[in-house]
Protein backbone atom coordinates (compact mmCIF):
# COMPACT_ATOMS: atom_id res chain seq x y z
CA MET A 1 39.22 -16.41 -4.86
CA SER A 2 41.22 -12.99 -5.18
CA GLU A 3 39.96 -9.63 -4.31
CA SER A 4 40.49 -8.70 -7.80
CA ALA A 5 37.49 -11.41 -8.82
CA SER A 6 34.42 -10.10 -9.97
CA ILE A 7 30.65 -12.32 -8.38
CA GLU A 8 28.62 -12.50 -11.38
CA LEU A 9 25.26 -10.46 -10.62
CA ASP A 10 21.85 -12.21 -11.68
CA LEU A 11 19.07 -10.25 -13.01
CA ALA A 12 16.99 -10.29 -9.50
CA ALA A 13 20.25 -8.69 -8.11
CA PHE A 14 20.57 -5.62 -10.52
CA LEU A 15 16.98 -4.88 -10.10
CA GLU A 16 17.11 -5.39 -6.04
CA GLY A 17 20.02 -2.69 -6.45
CA LEU A 18 17.83 -0.39 -8.44
CA LEU A 19 14.85 -0.46 -6.39
CA PHE A 20 16.85 0.07 -3.14
CA VAL A 21 17.60 3.34 -4.28
CA ALA A 22 14.86 4.66 -5.94
CA SER A 23 13.04 7.57 -3.68
CA GLU A 24 9.41 6.06 -4.98
CA PRO A 25 7.96 3.12 -6.77
CA VAL A 26 8.99 2.56 -10.39
CA ALA A 27 7.64 1.11 -13.75
CA PRO A 28 8.98 -1.94 -14.75
CA ALA A 29 9.52 -0.32 -18.14
CA GLN A 30 12.02 2.09 -16.17
CA LEU A 31 14.10 -0.73 -15.08
CA ALA A 32 13.74 -2.08 -18.30
CA ALA A 33 15.35 1.05 -19.96
CA ALA A 34 17.86 1.37 -16.83
CA LEU A 35 19.24 -2.47 -17.66
CA ASP A 36 18.44 -1.95 -21.90
CA ILE A 37 16.21 -5.28 -21.64
CA THR A 38 12.89 -5.92 -22.25
CA VAL A 39 9.91 -5.07 -20.20
CA SER A 40 9.26 -9.24 -19.66
CA SER A 41 12.82 -10.04 -18.86
CA VAL A 42 12.06 -7.34 -16.05
CA GLU A 43 8.88 -8.91 -14.82
CA LYS A 44 10.86 -12.24 -14.40
CA GLY A 45 13.87 -10.76 -13.01
CA LEU A 46 11.20 -9.24 -10.28
CA GLU A 47 9.37 -12.48 -10.00
CA ALA A 48 12.66 -14.02 -9.00
CA LEU A 49 13.91 -11.28 -6.63
CA GLU A 50 10.33 -11.88 -5.07
CA GLU A 51 10.96 -15.24 -4.24
CA ASN A 52 14.27 -14.57 -3.20
CA LEU A 53 13.06 -12.31 -0.42
CA ARG A 54 10.04 -14.32 0.93
CA THR A 55 11.94 -15.12 3.82
CA ARG A 56 14.23 -12.14 4.34
CA GLY A 57 13.33 -8.48 5.81
CA LEU A 58 12.28 -7.11 2.62
CA ARG A 59 9.09 -7.85 0.20
CA LEU A 60 8.62 -6.46 -3.22
CA GLN A 61 5.25 -4.15 -3.41
CA ARG A 62 3.14 -3.77 -5.78
CA TYR A 63 0.76 -0.87 -6.63
CA ALA A 64 -0.85 0.73 -9.85
CA GLY A 65 1.67 -1.13 -12.16
CA ARG A 66 4.38 0.41 -10.62
CA VAL A 67 7.29 -1.52 -7.87
CA GLN A 68 9.05 -0.88 -5.05
CA LEU A 69 11.21 -2.32 -2.00
CA THR A 70 9.41 -2.25 1.69
CA THR A 71 10.15 -3.98 4.37
CA ALA A 72 8.71 -7.13 5.46
CA PRO A 73 5.45 -6.53 7.67
CA GLU A 74 6.18 -9.19 9.99
CA LEU A 75 8.99 -6.71 11.29
CA ALA A 76 6.50 -3.70 11.71
CA ASP A 77 7.11 -3.78 15.56
CA VAL A 78 10.39 -4.42 15.82
CA ILE A 79 10.96 -1.40 13.24
CA GLU A 80 8.65 1.02 14.83
CA ARG A 81 10.49 0.50 17.88
CA PHE A 82 13.82 0.94 16.56
CA LEU A 83 12.89 4.15 14.74
CA GLY A 84 10.82 5.55 17.46
CA LEU A 85 7.67 5.44 16.13
CA GLU A 86 5.19 3.37 18.35
CA ALA A 87 3.16 6.23 19.44
CA THR A 88 2.90 8.05 16.38
CA SER A 89 1.87 5.31 13.99
CA ARG A 90 -1.22 4.36 16.16
CA LEU A 91 -4.80 4.80 14.44
CA SER A 92 -7.91 5.53 16.41
CA ARG A 93 -10.88 3.31 15.42
CA ALA A 94 -12.59 6.32 14.07
CA ALA A 95 -9.67 6.40 11.70
CA LEU A 96 -9.67 2.34 11.03
CA GLU A 97 -13.24 2.36 10.40
CA THR A 98 -12.76 5.36 7.83
CA LEU A 99 -9.95 3.52 6.18
CA ALA A 100 -12.07 0.14 5.79
CA ILE A 101 -14.74 2.15 4.37
CA ILE A 102 -12.55 3.76 1.81
CA ALA A 103 -10.31 1.03 0.91
CA TYR A 104 -13.40 -0.87 0.13
CA LYS A 105 -15.54 1.39 -1.46
CA GLN A 106 -13.43 3.80 -3.27
CA PRO A 107 -13.63 5.98 -4.80
CA VAL A 108 -16.25 7.19 -2.28
CA THR A 109 -17.36 11.05 -1.28
CA ARG A 110 -17.21 11.89 2.34
CA PRO A 111 -20.86 12.05 2.79
CA SER A 112 -20.99 8.28 1.89
CA VAL A 113 -18.54 7.28 4.96
CA ASP A 114 -21.12 9.48 6.93
CA ALA A 115 -23.75 7.91 5.80
CA VAL A 116 -21.87 4.32 6.64
CA ARG A 117 -20.26 5.45 9.57
CA GLY A 118 -23.54 7.62 11.56
CA VAL A 119 -21.28 10.15 12.47
CA ASN A 120 -19.34 13.22 10.68
CA SER A 121 -15.95 12.29 9.39
CA ASP A 122 -14.31 15.47 8.41
CA GLY A 123 -11.63 15.40 10.71
CA VAL A 124 -10.85 11.86 10.52
CA ILE A 125 -10.52 12.23 7.04
CA LYS A 126 -8.33 15.58 7.20
CA SER A 127 -5.81 13.21 9.68
CA LEU A 128 -5.71 10.23 7.38
CA LEU A 129 -4.82 13.07 4.64
CA SER A 130 -1.99 14.34 6.59
CA LYS A 131 -0.95 11.15 7.23
CA GLY A 132 -0.61 10.22 3.52
CA LEU A 133 -2.97 7.43 4.18
CA LEU A 134 -5.67 8.64 1.73
CA GLN A 135 -5.81 10.72 -1.11
CA GLU A 136 -8.16 12.74 -3.37
CA VAL A 137 -8.85 10.80 -6.66
CA GLY A 138 -11.16 13.33 -8.10
CA ARG A 139 -14.97 14.78 -7.91
CA SER A 140 -18.20 12.86 -7.90
CA GLU A 141 -20.87 13.91 -10.85
CA GLY A 142 -23.54 14.31 -8.37
CA PRO A 143 -24.97 17.64 -6.98
CA GLY A 144 -21.79 19.85 -5.38
CA ARG A 145 -19.37 17.70 -7.23
CA PRO A 146 -17.97 16.36 -3.75
CA ILE A 147 -14.52 15.05 -3.39
CA LEU A 148 -13.98 11.52 -3.96
CA PHE A 149 -11.43 9.72 -1.46
CA GLY A 150 -9.24 6.79 -2.07
CA THR A 151 -6.05 5.19 -0.16
CA THR A 152 -2.36 5.63 -1.38
CA PRO A 153 0.52 3.28 -1.65
CA GLU A 154 1.27 4.51 1.91
CA PHE A 155 -2.02 2.98 3.03
CA LEU A 156 -0.91 -0.58 1.48
CA GLN A 157 2.14 0.28 3.03
CA HIS A 158 1.17 0.59 6.47
CA PHE A 159 -0.83 -2.79 6.53
CA GLY A 160 1.69 -5.01 4.90
CA LEU A 161 -0.30 -5.01 1.62
CA ASN A 162 0.28 -5.67 -2.11
CA SER A 163 -2.55 -4.74 -3.60
CA LEU A 164 -6.19 -3.63 -2.49
CA SER A 165 -7.03 -7.20 -3.95
CA ASP A 166 -5.16 -8.44 -0.80
CA LEU A 167 -7.68 -6.98 1.61
CA PRO A 168 -9.99 -9.73 3.58
CA PRO A 169 -13.42 -10.11 1.57
CA LEU A 170 -16.10 -7.95 3.11
CA ASN A 171 -18.55 -9.76 5.36
CA LEU A 172 -21.47 -7.96 5.26
CA PRO A 173 -24.32 -8.68 7.62
CA SER A 174 -27.57 -10.19 6.77
CA GLU A 175 -30.48 -8.37 6.68
CA GLY A 176 -31.59 -7.77 10.00
CA GLU A 177 -28.84 -7.21 11.46
CA LYS A 178 -28.44 -3.74 12.35
CA ASP A 179 -24.84 -3.13 13.05
CA VAL A 180 -22.35 -3.36 10.29
CA ASP A 181 -18.65 -4.02 11.66
CA LEU A 182 -16.31 -3.36 8.09
CA LEU A 183 -13.39 -4.26 10.30
CA LYS A 184 -14.22 -7.95 10.86
CA GLY A 185 -13.52 -10.42 7.96
């Protein structure tokens, strides 16, 4: 093959290139407009790309109707070490408990989180907000209209999830058991 010969790229390759340069998750409609094709064609191409990536270092992540390329969760330790992130990426037990409660009950207020944990969660929630793992998603209709919290796409990415439906099922204790460990399951 000569240097001037061109390689024909399939739709999955075009989508991979667009997602690679995108700075944030992209709606399939945006991809369709860029490629001048239908959204259903983009969805088929995304399925093909997702299949192609299963044994590679990248994954296709979907969240709230948008899609992006992320690194494979199996590579997290190596990538953290490479980027020097080991010390900063660890979450405390309190942070993990709070994230679990919010992930399963969202949208949820801080007092609701406190009631499940049995302690004040102000500091933990502030820390998780600053890390981008939580976000304010609105206000409750209850007295004082407390802030409602939910998880973010960064939460999914941090834990290698495509969507909240990938969370393991929540196994609540039977009546009579006193301790609820939301991190099991």
